[in-house]
Amino acid sequence: MDNHLRAIIEKKINRTMGNLQNNKMDAYYVPTAKDVVPLVQELCQEGETVTVGGSMTLFECGVIEHLKSGRYHYLDRYAPGADTMAIFRQAFTCDTYLMSANAITENGELYNVDGNGNRVAALMFGPKSVIVIAGWNKIVPDLEAARQRVRQIAAPANTTRLNTQTPCKVLGSCQDCHSDSRICCDYTVLGQQRIKGRVKVILVGEELGY
């Protein structure tokens, strides 16, 4: 990446990190995707029970492979024959929950939209610790920009990946559909938290996920 562009992006990241910290979330920065796993290893102790929310970012950073290393008791939603609904419920009692975000505002808010609601539910309550990993491309100025990011980028890309029968897969943007396959059902915003440091956000200086 051009150094001038990186300097601008890092200023945006620093503003966002400061406001995440103001909202009682711990904030970290790593320059590249390959730097994520060593930091996760610091934040997540050996032997912990861990699981994840659906996320391309976690695959791209090598986090999923790391969780399968044997270091943790990993509740693997992706394992062949896994009882995913049971794992979704077990997530509430795990030590650490890992996920990404659909958008993060420069005001330090986490914006997420779910189909089943399991990911946003675990983010809000249950696991002792939540680690959110996101590329700089998820940072937006405000909540309206976060909403538009989901409608124009995240939702259409995910419906294409999941091959769902929804209008946004065909048209490339949200149509406020009533499809049975709709993935945008539960909308959440995390602002200031009561428990300082329960939510930890790792911002990465690369584009990751949708």
N, C-alpha and C. Protein backbone atom coordinates (compact mmCIF):
# COMPACT_ATOMS: atom_id res chain seq x y z
N MET A 1 0.84 -1.19 0.00
CA MET A 1 0.00 0.00 0.00
C MET A 1 0.88 1.25 0.00
N ASP A 2 0.46 2.25 -0.77
CA ASP A 2 1.17 3.53 -0.82
C ASP A 2 1.27 4.13 0.59
N ASN A 3 2.44 4.65 0.94
CA ASN A 3 2.66 5.17 2.29
C ASN A 3 1.76 6.35 2.63
N HIS A 4 1.43 7.16 1.64
CA HIS A 4 0.56 8.31 1.89
C HIS A 4 -0.86 7.84 2.23
N LEU A 5 -1.33 6.84 1.48
CA LEU A 5 -2.66 6.28 1.77
C LEU A 5 -2.67 5.60 3.13
N ARG A 6 -1.60 4.87 3.44
CA ARG A 6 -1.53 4.20 4.74
C ARG A 6 -1.58 5.22 5.87
N ALA A 7 -0.93 6.36 5.70
CA ALA A 7 -0.93 7.38 6.75
C ALA A 7 -2.35 7.88 7.02
N ILE A 8 -3.13 8.06 5.95
CA ILE A 8 -4.52 8.50 6.11
C ILE A 8 -5.35 7.43 6.81
N ILE A 9 -5.17 6.20 6.38
CA ILE A 9 -5.93 5.08 6.98
C ILE A 9 -5.58 4.94 8.46
N GLU A 10 -4.30 5.07 8.80
CA GLU A 10 -3.90 4.92 10.19
C GLU A 10 -4.46 6.03 11.06
N LYS A 11 -4.63 7.23 10.52
CA LYS A 11 -5.28 8.31 11.28
C LYS A 11 -6.74 7.93 11.58
N LYS A 12 -7.41 7.38 10.58
CA LYS A 12 -8.80 6.94 10.77
C LYS A 12 -8.87 5.83 11.83
N ILE A 13 -7.94 4.89 11.75
CA ILE A 13 -7.88 3.80 12.72
C ILE A 13 -7.64 4.35 14.12
N ASN A 14 -6.72 5.29 14.26
CA ASN A 14 -6.41 5.86 15.58
C ASN A 14 -7.61 6.57 16.18
N ARG A 15 -8.36 7.33 15.35
CA ARG A 15 -9.57 7.99 15.85
C ARG A 15 -10.57 6.96 16.35
N THR A 16 -10.74 5.91 15.58
CA THR A 16 -11.70 4.87 15.93
C THR A 16 -11.28 4.16 17.20
N MET A 17 -10.01 3.83 17.32
CA MET A 17 -9.52 3.16 18.52
C MET A 17 -9.75 4.02 19.76
N GLY A 18 -9.47 5.31 19.65
CA GLY A 18 -9.67 6.20 20.79
C GLY A 18 -11.12 6.20 21.25
N ASN A 19 -12.05 6.21 20.32
CA ASN A 19 -13.46 6.24 20.68
C ASN A 19 -13.97 4.88 21.15
N LEU A 20 -13.40 3.80 20.64
CA LEU A 20 -13.72 2.48 21.19
C LEU A 20 -13.31 2.42 22.66
N GLN A 21 -12.12 2.94 22.96
CA GLN A 21 -11.64 2.95 24.34
C GLN A 21 -12.51 3.85 25.21
N ASN A 22 -12.97 4.97 24.66
CA ASN A 22 -13.90 5.83 25.40
C ASN A 22 -15.19 5.10 25.74
N ASN A 23 -15.56 4.15 24.87
CA ASN A 23 -16.77 3.34 25.09
C ASN A 23 -16.48 2.07 25.88
N LYS A 24 -15.33 2.04 26.54
CA LYS A 24 -14.93 0.95 27.44
C LYS A 24 -14.70 -0.39 26.73
N MET A 25 -14.35 -0.31 25.45
CA MET A 25 -13.90 -1.49 24.73
C MET A 25 -12.39 -1.39 24.54
N ASP A 26 -11.67 -2.47 24.72
CA ASP A 26 -10.24 -2.47 24.46
C ASP A 26 -10.01 -2.44 22.96
N ALA A 27 -9.04 -1.69 22.51
CA ALA A 27 -8.77 -1.55 21.08
C ALA A 27 -7.30 -1.82 20.79
N TYR A 28 -7.06 -2.58 19.72
CA TYR A 28 -5.71 -2.95 19.31
C TYR A 28 -5.57 -2.71 17.81
N TYR A 29 -4.35 -2.48 17.37
CA TYR A 29 -4.08 -2.32 15.94
C TYR A 29 -2.94 -3.25 15.55
N VAL A 30 -3.13 -3.95 14.44
CA VAL A 30 -2.04 -4.73 13.83
C VAL A 30 -1.98 -4.36 12.35
N PRO A 31 -0.79 -4.26 11.78
CA PRO A 31 -0.66 -3.81 10.40
C PRO A 31 -1.21 -4.78 9.36
N THR A 32 -1.04 -6.10 9.60
CA THR A 32 -1.41 -7.07 8.57
C THR A 32 -2.20 -8.23 9.18
N ALA A 33 -2.84 -8.99 8.30
CA ALA A 33 -3.63 -10.14 8.73
C ALA A 33 -2.77 -11.18 9.44
N LYS A 34 -1.52 -11.32 9.03
CA LYS A 34 -0.66 -12.33 9.64
C LYS A 34 -0.29 -11.98 11.09
N ASP A 35 -0.54 -10.72 11.49
CA ASP A 35 -0.24 -10.31 12.86
C ASP A 35 -1.40 -10.59 13.82
N VAL A 36 -2.53 -11.06 13.28
CA VAL A 36 -3.72 -11.23 14.12
C VAL A 36 -3.58 -12.42 15.06
N VAL A 37 -3.16 -13.57 14.56
CA VAL A 37 -3.12 -14.78 15.38
C VAL A 37 -2.21 -14.62 16.61
N PRO A 38 -1.00 -14.06 16.48
CA PRO A 38 -0.19 -13.87 17.70
C PRO A 38 -0.89 -13.02 18.75
N LEU A 39 -1.65 -12.01 18.34
CA LEU A 39 -2.38 -11.20 19.31
C LEU A 39 -3.54 -11.97 19.91
N VAL A 40 -4.25 -12.74 19.10
CA VAL A 40 -5.32 -13.59 19.63
C VAL A 40 -4.76 -14.55 20.67
N GLN A 41 -3.58 -15.08 20.40
CA GLN A 41 -2.95 -16.01 21.34
C GLN A 41 -2.65 -15.34 22.68
N GLU A 42 -2.34 -14.04 22.64
CA GLU A 42 -2.12 -13.30 23.89
C GLU A 42 -3.43 -13.06 24.64
N LEU A 43 -4.50 -12.83 23.90
CA LEU A 43 -5.78 -12.46 24.52
C LEU A 43 -6.62 -13.65 24.93
N CYS A 44 -6.31 -14.81 24.37
CA CYS A 44 -7.11 -16.02 24.61
C CYS A 44 -6.20 -17.10 25.18
N GLN A 45 -6.41 -17.46 26.43
CA GLN A 45 -5.49 -18.35 27.12
C GLN A 45 -5.69 -19.81 26.73
N GLU A 46 -4.60 -20.57 26.80
CA GLU A 46 -4.65 -21.99 26.49
C GLU A 46 -5.66 -22.69 27.38
N GLY A 47 -6.44 -23.60 26.79
CA GLY A 47 -7.43 -24.37 27.54
C GLY A 47 -8.80 -23.73 27.62
N GLU A 48 -8.93 -22.48 27.16
CA GLU A 48 -10.24 -21.82 27.19
C GLU A 48 -11.22 -22.50 26.24
N THR A 49 -12.49 -22.41 26.59
CA THR A 49 -13.55 -22.82 25.68
C THR A 49 -13.88 -21.64 24.79
N VAL A 50 -13.77 -21.86 23.48
CA VAL A 50 -13.94 -20.76 22.52
C VAL A 50 -14.86 -21.20 21.38
N THR A 51 -15.50 -20.23 20.77
CA THR A 51 -16.24 -20.48 19.54
C THR A 51 -16.32 -19.18 18.76
N VAL A 52 -16.96 -19.23 17.60
CA VAL A 52 -16.93 -18.08 16.69
C VAL A 52 -18.30 -17.79 16.11
N GLY A 53 -18.46 -16.55 15.67
CA GLY A 53 -19.58 -16.19 14.82
C GLY A 53 -19.15 -16.32 13.37
N GLY A 54 -20.11 -16.48 12.47
CA GLY A 54 -19.77 -16.62 11.06
C GLY A 54 -18.98 -15.42 10.57
N SER A 55 -17.83 -15.68 9.92
CA SER A 55 -16.95 -14.57 9.53
C SER A 55 -15.93 -15.02 8.50
N MET A 56 -15.89 -14.32 7.36
CA MET A 56 -14.81 -14.56 6.40
C MET A 56 -13.50 -14.01 6.91
N THR A 57 -13.56 -12.92 7.68
CA THR A 57 -12.34 -12.31 8.21
C THR A 57 -11.54 -13.29 9.04
N LEU A 58 -12.22 -14.08 9.87
CA LEU A 58 -11.51 -15.04 10.72
C LEU A 58 -10.79 -16.09 9.89
N PHE A 59 -11.38 -16.50 8.78
CA PHE A 59 -10.68 -17.43 7.88
C PHE A 59 -9.48 -16.75 7.23
N GLU A 60 -9.67 -15.52 6.76
CA GLU A 60 -8.60 -14.82 6.05
C GLU A 60 -7.40 -14.53 6.94
N CYS A 61 -7.63 -14.37 8.24
CA CYS A 61 -6.54 -14.09 9.18
C CYS A 61 -5.89 -15.35 9.73
N GLY A 62 -6.42 -16.52 9.39
CA GLY A 62 -5.89 -17.77 9.93
C GLY A 62 -6.37 -18.08 11.33
N VAL A 63 -7.37 -17.35 11.81
CA VAL A 63 -7.86 -17.56 13.18
C VAL A 63 -8.56 -18.90 13.32
N ILE A 64 -9.35 -19.28 12.34
CA ILE A 64 -10.07 -20.57 12.43
C ILE A 64 -9.09 -21.72 12.54
N GLU A 65 -8.07 -21.72 11.71
CA GLU A 65 -7.06 -22.79 11.79
C GLU A 65 -6.35 -22.77 13.13
N HIS A 66 -6.07 -21.59 13.66
CA HIS A 66 -5.42 -21.48 14.96
C HIS A 66 -6.29 -22.07 16.06
N LEU A 67 -7.59 -21.82 16.00
CA LEU A 67 -8.49 -22.34 17.04
C LEU A 67 -8.57 -23.86 17.01
N LYS A 68 -8.29 -24.46 15.85
CA LYS A 68 -8.33 -25.92 15.72
C LYS A 68 -7.00 -26.57 16.07
N SER A 69 -6.06 -25.78 16.57
CA SER A 69 -4.71 -26.28 16.82
C SER A 69 -4.60 -27.22 18.00
N GLY A 70 -5.62 -27.28 18.85
CA GLY A 70 -5.57 -28.09 20.06
C GLY A 70 -5.25 -27.28 21.30
N ARG A 71 -4.92 -26.02 21.11
CA ARG A 71 -4.61 -25.14 22.24
C ARG A 71 -5.86 -24.84 23.08
N TYR A 72 -7.04 -24.88 22.42
CA TYR A 72 -8.29 -24.50 23.08
C TYR A 72 -9.31 -25.63 23.00
N HIS A 73 -10.35 -25.52 23.80
CA HIS A 73 -11.54 -26.35 23.62
C HIS A 73 -12.44 -25.58 22.65
N TYR A 74 -12.32 -25.93 21.39
CA TYR A 74 -12.97 -25.17 20.32
C TYR A 74 -14.30 -25.81 19.95
N LEU A 75 -15.37 -25.07 20.12
CA LEU A 75 -16.70 -25.50 19.68
C LEU A 75 -16.82 -25.14 18.21
N ASP A 76 -16.62 -26.13 17.35
CA ASP A 76 -16.42 -25.89 15.92
C ASP A 76 -17.73 -26.00 15.14
N ARG A 77 -18.31 -24.87 14.84
CA ARG A 77 -19.56 -24.83 14.09
C ARG A 77 -19.38 -25.32 12.65
N TYR A 78 -18.12 -25.32 12.16
CA TYR A 78 -17.86 -25.71 10.78
C TYR A 78 -17.50 -27.19 10.62
N ALA A 79 -17.40 -27.92 11.72
CA ALA A 79 -17.02 -29.33 11.64
C ALA A 79 -18.13 -30.13 10.94
N PRO A 80 -17.76 -31.12 10.12
CA PRO A 80 -18.77 -31.95 9.46
C PRO A 80 -19.72 -32.58 10.48
N GLY A 81 -21.00 -32.45 10.27
CA GLY A 81 -21.99 -33.03 11.16
C GLY A 81 -22.21 -32.26 12.45
N ALA A 82 -21.61 -31.08 12.58
CA ALA A 82 -21.75 -30.30 13.81
C ALA A 82 -23.21 -29.91 14.04
N ASP A 83 -23.63 -29.95 15.30
CA ASP A 83 -24.96 -29.48 15.69
C ASP A 83 -24.85 -27.98 15.91
N THR A 84 -25.03 -27.22 14.84
CA THR A 84 -24.75 -25.79 14.91
C THR A 84 -25.66 -25.07 15.90
N MET A 85 -26.91 -25.46 15.98
CA MET A 85 -27.81 -24.77 16.91
C MET A 85 -27.37 -25.01 18.35
N ALA A 86 -26.89 -26.21 18.65
CA ALA A 86 -26.39 -26.50 19.99
C ALA A 86 -25.15 -25.64 20.29
N ILE A 87 -24.27 -25.50 19.28
CA ILE A 87 -23.07 -24.69 19.47
C ILE A 87 -23.44 -23.22 19.63
N PHE A 88 -24.43 -22.76 18.89
CA PHE A 88 -24.89 -21.38 19.06
C PHE A 88 -25.30 -21.12 20.50
N ARG A 89 -25.98 -22.08 21.11
CA ARG A 89 -26.43 -21.91 22.49
C ARG A 89 -25.27 -22.06 23.48
N GLN A 90 -24.34 -22.97 23.20
CA GLN A 90 -23.19 -23.16 24.08
C GLN A 90 -22.28 -21.94 24.09
N ALA A 91 -22.38 -21.12 23.05
CA ALA A 91 -21.54 -19.93 22.97
C ALA A 91 -21.74 -19.01 24.17
N PHE A 92 -22.93 -19.02 24.76
CA PHE A 92 -23.22 -18.09 25.85
C PHE A 92 -22.41 -18.41 27.11
N THR A 93 -21.91 -19.63 27.23
CA THR A 93 -21.14 -20.01 28.43
C THR A 93 -19.64 -20.18 28.12
N CYS A 94 -19.22 -19.82 26.91
CA CYS A 94 -17.80 -20.02 26.59
C CYS A 94 -16.96 -18.89 27.20
N ASP A 95 -15.65 -19.12 27.23
CA ASP A 95 -14.73 -18.12 27.77
C ASP A 95 -14.53 -16.96 26.81
N THR A 96 -14.32 -17.32 25.54
CA THR A 96 -14.05 -16.28 24.54
C THR A 96 -14.82 -16.56 23.26
N TYR A 97 -15.43 -15.53 22.75
CA TYR A 97 -16.18 -15.59 21.49
C TYR A 97 -15.47 -14.69 20.50
N LEU A 98 -15.20 -15.22 19.30
CA LEU A 98 -14.50 -14.44 18.28
C LEU A 98 -15.42 -14.20 17.09
N MET A 99 -15.34 -13.00 16.52
CA MET A 99 -16.22 -12.64 15.43
C MET A 99 -15.62 -11.44 14.69
N SER A 100 -16.28 -11.01 13.64
CA SER A 100 -15.94 -9.74 13.02
C SER A 100 -17.12 -8.80 13.23
N ALA A 101 -17.12 -7.69 12.53
CA ALA A 101 -18.22 -6.73 12.60
C ALA A 101 -18.60 -6.35 11.19
N ASN A 102 -19.87 -6.00 11.00
CA ASN A 102 -20.29 -5.51 9.69
C ASN A 102 -19.79 -4.10 9.45
N ALA A 103 -19.71 -3.31 10.51
CA ALA A 103 -19.17 -1.95 10.40
C ALA A 103 -18.78 -1.47 11.79
N ILE A 104 -17.79 -0.58 11.82
CA ILE A 104 -17.36 0.07 13.07
C ILE A 104 -17.30 1.56 12.79
N THR A 105 -18.01 2.35 13.57
CA THR A 105 -18.01 3.78 13.31
C THR A 105 -16.78 4.44 13.94
N GLU A 106 -16.42 5.57 13.39
CA GLU A 106 -15.31 6.34 13.96
C GLU A 106 -15.66 6.87 15.35
N ASN A 107 -16.94 6.83 15.71
CA ASN A 107 -17.38 7.21 17.05
C ASN A 107 -17.23 6.07 18.05
N GLY A 108 -16.72 4.91 17.60
CA GLY A 108 -16.48 3.80 18.50
C GLY A 108 -17.68 2.93 18.74
N GLU A 109 -18.55 2.79 17.74
CA GLU A 109 -19.73 1.93 17.85
C GLU A 109 -19.58 0.72 16.94
N LEU A 110 -20.06 -0.43 17.39
CA LEU A 110 -20.06 -1.64 16.57
C LEU A 110 -21.45 -1.85 16.01
N TYR A 111 -21.54 -1.96 14.69
CA TYR A 111 -22.83 -2.14 14.01
C TYR A 111 -22.85 -3.52 13.37
N ASN A 112 -23.88 -4.30 13.69
CA ASN A 112 -23.98 -5.66 13.16
C ASN A 112 -25.41 -6.00 12.80
N VAL A 113 -25.54 -6.81 11.76
CA VAL A 113 -26.84 -7.29 11.30
C VAL A 113 -26.76 -8.80 11.15
N ASP A 114 -27.73 -9.52 11.71
CA ASP A 114 -27.72 -10.99 11.69
C ASP A 114 -29.00 -11.56 11.11
N GLY A 115 -28.89 -12.79 10.63
CA GLY A 115 -30.07 -13.54 10.21
C GLY A 115 -30.66 -14.33 11.35
N ASN A 116 -29.84 -15.17 12.00
CA ASN A 116 -30.30 -15.98 13.13
C ASN A 116 -30.27 -15.23 14.45
N GLY A 117 -29.38 -14.25 14.57
CA GLY A 117 -29.25 -13.49 15.80
C GLY A 117 -28.27 -14.07 16.79
N ASN A 118 -27.71 -15.25 16.50
CA ASN A 118 -26.80 -15.89 17.46
C ASN A 118 -25.52 -15.09 17.65
N ARG A 119 -25.01 -14.50 16.58
CA ARG A 119 -23.75 -13.76 16.66
C ARG A 119 -23.91 -12.48 17.49
N VAL A 120 -24.95 -11.72 17.18
CA VAL A 120 -25.13 -10.47 17.92
C VAL A 120 -25.56 -10.74 19.36
N ALA A 121 -26.26 -11.84 19.59
CA ALA A 121 -26.66 -12.18 20.95
C ALA A 121 -25.44 -12.48 21.81
N ALA A 122 -24.50 -13.26 21.27
CA ALA A 122 -23.28 -13.59 22.03
C ALA A 122 -22.39 -12.36 22.21
N LEU A 123 -22.39 -11.48 21.24
CA LEU A 123 -21.63 -10.24 21.37
C LEU A 123 -22.15 -9.43 22.56
N MET A 124 -23.46 -9.36 22.71
CA MET A 124 -24.06 -8.51 23.73
C MET A 124 -24.02 -9.11 25.13
N PHE A 125 -24.14 -10.45 25.23
CA PHE A 125 -24.24 -11.05 26.56
C PHE A 125 -23.85 -12.52 26.52
N GLY A 126 -23.17 -12.98 27.58
CA GLY A 126 -22.88 -14.40 27.72
C GLY A 126 -21.40 -14.70 27.87
N PRO A 127 -20.66 -14.77 26.76
CA PRO A 127 -19.23 -15.09 26.85
C PRO A 127 -18.49 -14.09 27.75
N LYS A 128 -17.50 -14.61 28.48
CA LYS A 128 -16.73 -13.73 29.36
C LYS A 128 -15.98 -12.66 28.58
N SER A 129 -15.52 -13.03 27.39
CA SER A 129 -14.72 -12.12 26.57
C SER A 129 -15.14 -12.26 25.12
N VAL A 130 -15.19 -11.15 24.41
CA VAL A 130 -15.50 -11.17 22.98
C VAL A 130 -14.37 -10.45 22.24
N ILE A 131 -13.83 -11.12 21.22
CA ILE A 131 -12.78 -10.52 20.40
C ILE A 131 -13.36 -10.26 19.01
N VAL A 132 -13.39 -9.01 18.62
CA VAL A 132 -13.89 -8.60 17.31
C VAL A 132 -12.70 -8.22 16.43
N ILE A 133 -12.59 -8.87 15.27
CA ILE A 133 -11.47 -8.63 14.37
C ILE A 133 -12.02 -8.04 13.08
N ALA A 134 -11.47 -6.91 12.66
CA ALA A 134 -12.00 -6.25 11.47
C ALA A 134 -10.92 -5.51 10.70
N GLY A 135 -10.97 -5.62 9.39
CA GLY A 135 -10.09 -4.83 8.54
C GLY A 135 -10.49 -3.36 8.55
N TRP A 136 -9.57 -2.50 8.12
CA TRP A 136 -9.85 -1.07 8.15
C TRP A 136 -11.02 -0.70 7.25
N ASN A 137 -11.32 -1.55 6.26
CA ASN A 137 -12.43 -1.27 5.35
C ASN A 137 -13.79 -1.30 6.03
N LYS A 138 -13.86 -1.85 7.25
CA LYS A 138 -15.13 -1.87 7.98
C LYS A 138 -15.38 -0.55 8.73
N ILE A 139 -14.39 0.33 8.77
CA ILE A 139 -14.56 1.60 9.49
C ILE A 139 -15.36 2.58 8.64
N VAL A 140 -16.38 3.17 9.23
CA VAL A 140 -17.24 4.14 8.55
C VAL A 140 -17.42 5.38 9.43
N PRO A 141 -17.84 6.51 8.86
CA PRO A 141 -17.95 7.72 9.68
C PRO A 141 -18.99 7.65 10.78
N ASP A 142 -20.17 7.07 10.49
CA ASP A 142 -21.27 7.13 11.45
C ASP A 142 -22.24 5.99 11.21
N LEU A 143 -23.31 5.96 11.99
CA LEU A 143 -24.25 4.84 11.93
C LEU A 143 -25.02 4.78 10.60
N GLU A 144 -25.31 5.92 10.02
CA GLU A 144 -25.98 5.89 8.71
C GLU A 144 -25.07 5.28 7.66
N ALA A 145 -23.78 5.61 7.70
CA ALA A 145 -22.83 5.00 6.77
C ALA A 145 -22.69 3.50 7.05
N ALA A 146 -22.79 3.10 8.32
CA ALA A 146 -22.74 1.68 8.67
C ALA A 146 -23.94 0.95 8.07
N ARG A 147 -25.11 1.56 8.19
CA ARG A 147 -26.32 0.97 7.62
C ARG A 147 -26.18 0.79 6.11
N GLN A 148 -25.68 1.82 5.45
CA GLN A 148 -25.51 1.74 4.00
C GLN A 148 -24.45 0.72 3.60
N ARG A 149 -23.42 0.59 4.43
CA ARG A 149 -22.38 -0.40 4.13
C ARG A 149 -22.97 -1.81 4.11
N VAL A 150 -23.83 -2.10 5.08
CA VAL A 150 -24.47 -3.41 5.11
C VAL A 150 -25.38 -3.60 3.90
N ARG A 151 -26.17 -2.60 3.58
CA ARG A 151 -27.14 -2.70 2.49
C ARG A 151 -26.46 -2.83 1.12
N GLN A 152 -25.34 -2.14 0.94
CA GLN A 152 -24.71 -2.08 -0.38
C GLN A 152 -23.54 -3.05 -0.56
N ILE A 153 -22.92 -3.47 0.55
CA ILE A 153 -21.71 -4.30 0.44
C ILE A 153 -21.86 -5.63 1.18
N ALA A 154 -22.02 -5.56 2.49
CA ALA A 154 -21.93 -6.77 3.31
C ALA A 154 -23.04 -7.77 3.00
N ALA A 155 -24.28 -7.30 2.99
CA ALA A 155 -25.40 -8.23 2.76
C ALA A 155 -25.36 -8.85 1.37
N PRO A 156 -25.23 -8.06 0.30
CA PRO A 156 -25.16 -8.69 -1.03
C PRO A 156 -24.00 -9.67 -1.18
N ALA A 157 -22.84 -9.31 -0.63
CA ALA A 157 -21.69 -10.22 -0.75
C ALA A 157 -21.93 -11.52 0.01
N ASN A 158 -22.52 -11.43 1.19
CA ASN A 158 -22.78 -12.64 1.97
C ASN A 158 -23.87 -13.50 1.37
N THR A 159 -24.89 -12.89 0.79
CA THR A 159 -25.93 -13.71 0.15
C THR A 159 -25.38 -14.42 -1.08
N THR A 160 -24.45 -13.77 -1.77
CA THR A 160 -23.79 -14.42 -2.91
C THR A 160 -22.95 -15.60 -2.42
N ARG A 161 -22.19 -15.37 -1.33
CA ARG A 161 -21.36 -16.44 -0.77
C ARG A 161 -22.19 -17.62 -0.29
N LEU A 162 -23.32 -17.32 0.35
CA LEU A 162 -24.18 -18.36 0.92
C LEU A 162 -25.19 -18.91 -0.09
N ASN A 163 -25.25 -18.31 -1.28
CA ASN A 163 -26.18 -18.72 -2.33
C ASN A 163 -27.63 -18.71 -1.84
N THR A 164 -28.00 -17.65 -1.15
CA THR A 164 -29.37 -17.52 -0.67
C THR A 164 -30.27 -16.96 -1.78
N GLN A 165 -31.53 -17.31 -1.71
CA GLN A 165 -32.48 -16.86 -2.72
C GLN A 165 -33.11 -15.54 -2.28
N THR A 166 -32.34 -14.48 -2.40
CA THR A 166 -32.78 -13.15 -1.98
C THR A 166 -32.54 -12.14 -3.11
N PRO A 167 -33.34 -11.08 -3.15
CA PRO A 167 -33.17 -10.07 -4.21
C PRO A 167 -31.79 -9.42 -4.21
N CYS A 168 -31.19 -9.22 -3.04
CA CYS A 168 -29.89 -8.54 -3.03
C CYS A 168 -28.80 -9.36 -3.71
N LYS A 169 -28.97 -10.68 -3.71
CA LYS A 169 -28.01 -11.53 -4.43
C LYS A 169 -28.10 -11.27 -5.93
N VAL A 170 -29.30 -11.02 -6.41
CA VAL A 170 -29.51 -10.80 -7.84
C VAL A 170 -29.20 -9.36 -8.24
N LEU A 171 -29.64 -8.40 -7.41
CA LEU A 171 -29.56 -6.99 -7.79
C LEU A 171 -28.34 -6.26 -7.22
N GLY A 172 -27.70 -6.86 -6.21
CA GLY A 172 -26.47 -6.28 -5.68
C GLY A 172 -26.64 -5.24 -4.61
N SER A 173 -27.87 -5.05 -4.11
CA SER A 173 -28.11 -4.14 -3.00
C SER A 173 -29.39 -4.55 -2.30
N CYS A 174 -29.53 -4.12 -1.05
CA CYS A 174 -30.69 -4.50 -0.25
C CYS A 174 -31.98 -3.96 -0.86
N GLN A 175 -33.02 -4.81 -0.88
CA GLN A 175 -34.32 -4.42 -1.39
C GLN A 175 -35.40 -4.48 -0.30
N ASP A 176 -34.97 -4.58 0.97
CA ASP A 176 -35.92 -4.70 2.08
C ASP A 176 -36.91 -5.84 1.83
N CYS A 177 -36.37 -6.97 1.49
CA CYS A 177 -37.20 -8.10 1.04
C CYS A 177 -37.91 -8.79 2.21
N HIS A 178 -38.84 -9.65 1.86
CA HIS A 178 -39.54 -10.51 2.82
C HIS A 178 -39.27 -11.98 2.51
N SER A 179 -38.11 -12.24 1.95
CA SER A 179 -37.72 -13.59 1.59
C SER A 179 -37.53 -14.45 2.84
N ASP A 180 -37.86 -15.73 2.74
CA ASP A 180 -37.61 -16.67 3.83
C ASP A 180 -36.11 -16.85 4.07
N SER A 181 -35.30 -16.51 3.08
CA SER A 181 -33.84 -16.64 3.18
C SER A 181 -33.17 -15.36 3.64
N ARG A 182 -33.94 -14.36 4.01
CA ARG A 182 -33.40 -13.06 4.40
C ARG A 182 -32.33 -13.22 5.48
N ILE A 183 -31.19 -12.54 5.33
CA ILE A 183 -30.13 -12.63 6.34
C ILE A 183 -30.05 -11.37 7.20
N CYS A 184 -30.85 -10.36 6.89
CA CYS A 184 -30.84 -9.11 7.65
C CYS A 184 -32.09 -9.03 8.51
N CYS A 185 -32.04 -9.65 9.68
CA CYS A 185 -33.21 -9.74 10.55
C CYS A 185 -33.03 -9.00 11.87
N ASP A 186 -31.82 -9.00 12.41
CA ASP A 186 -31.57 -8.44 13.73
C ASP A 186 -30.46 -7.39 13.63
N TYR A 187 -30.78 -6.15 14.02
CA TYR A 187 -29.88 -5.02 13.89
C TYR A 187 -29.43 -4.57 15.28
N THR A 188 -28.12 -4.46 15.49
CA THR A 188 -27.63 -4.06 16.81
C THR A 188 -26.54 -3.00 16.70
N VAL A 189 -26.50 -2.13 17.70
CA VAL A 189 -25.44 -1.13 17.84
C VAL A 189 -24.88 -1.26 19.25
N LEU A 190 -23.58 -1.47 19.36
CA LEU A 190 -22.92 -1.46 20.66
C LEU A 190 -22.25 -0.11 20.86
N GLY A 191 -22.69 0.60 21.88
CA GLY A 191 -22.05 1.84 22.26
C GLY A 191 -21.23 1.61 23.52
N GLN A 192 -21.31 2.55 24.46
CA GLN A 192 -20.53 2.41 25.69
C GLN A 192 -20.96 1.17 26.45
N GLN A 193 -19.97 0.41 26.94
CA GLN A 193 -20.23 -0.83 27.65
C GLN A 193 -20.16 -0.63 29.16
N ARG A 194 -20.83 -1.51 29.90
CA ARG A 194 -20.75 -1.46 31.36
C ARG A 194 -19.50 -2.15 31.87
N ILE A 195 -19.14 -3.28 31.24
CA ILE A 195 -17.98 -4.06 31.69
C ILE A 195 -16.78 -3.66 30.83
N LYS A 196 -15.88 -2.91 31.41
CA LYS A 196 -14.72 -2.42 30.66
C LYS A 196 -13.85 -3.59 30.19
N GLY A 197 -13.54 -3.61 28.90
CA GLY A 197 -12.61 -4.59 28.37
C GLY A 197 -13.21 -5.94 28.04
N ARG A 198 -14.50 -6.15 28.31
CA ARG A 198 -15.10 -7.44 27.91
C ARG A 198 -15.03 -7.58 26.39
N VAL A 199 -15.35 -6.51 25.68
CA VAL A 199 -15.26 -6.50 24.22
C VAL A 199 -13.90 -5.93 23.82
N LYS A 200 -13.20 -6.70 23.01
CA LYS A 200 -11.87 -6.31 22.53
C LYS A 200 -11.92 -6.23 21.01
N VAL A 201 -11.48 -5.13 20.45
CA VAL A 201 -11.54 -4.94 19.01
C VAL A 201 -10.13 -4.87 18.44
N ILE A 202 -9.85 -5.76 17.50
CA ILE A 202 -8.57 -5.76 16.79
C ILE A 202 -8.81 -5.18 15.40
N LEU A 203 -8.24 -4.02 15.14
CA LEU A 203 -8.33 -3.40 13.82
C LEU A 203 -7.08 -3.74 13.02
N VAL A 204 -7.28 -4.13 11.78
CA VAL A 204 -6.18 -4.60 10.93
C VAL A 204 -6.00 -3.61 9.78
N GLY A 205 -4.76 -3.29 9.49
CA GLY A 205 -4.44 -2.33 8.43
C GLY A 205 -4.52 -2.90 7.03
N GLU A 206 -5.42 -3.83 6.80
CA GLU A 206 -5.67 -4.42 5.49
C GLU A 206 -7.18 -4.56 5.30
N GLU A 207 -7.61 -4.68 4.04
CA GLU A 207 -9.01 -4.95 3.77
C GLU A 207 -9.29 -6.43 4.00
N LEU A 208 -10.31 -6.69 4.80
CA LEU A 208 -10.66 -8.08 5.15
C LEU A 208 -12.18 -8.24 5.14
N GLY A 209 -12.62 -9.40 4.72
CA GLY A 209 -14.04 -9.73 4.81
C GLY A 209 -14.93 -8.82 3.98
N TYR A 210 -16.22 -8.89 4.31
CA TYR A 210 -17.22 -8.10 3.60
C TYR A 210 -17.76 -6.98 4.49
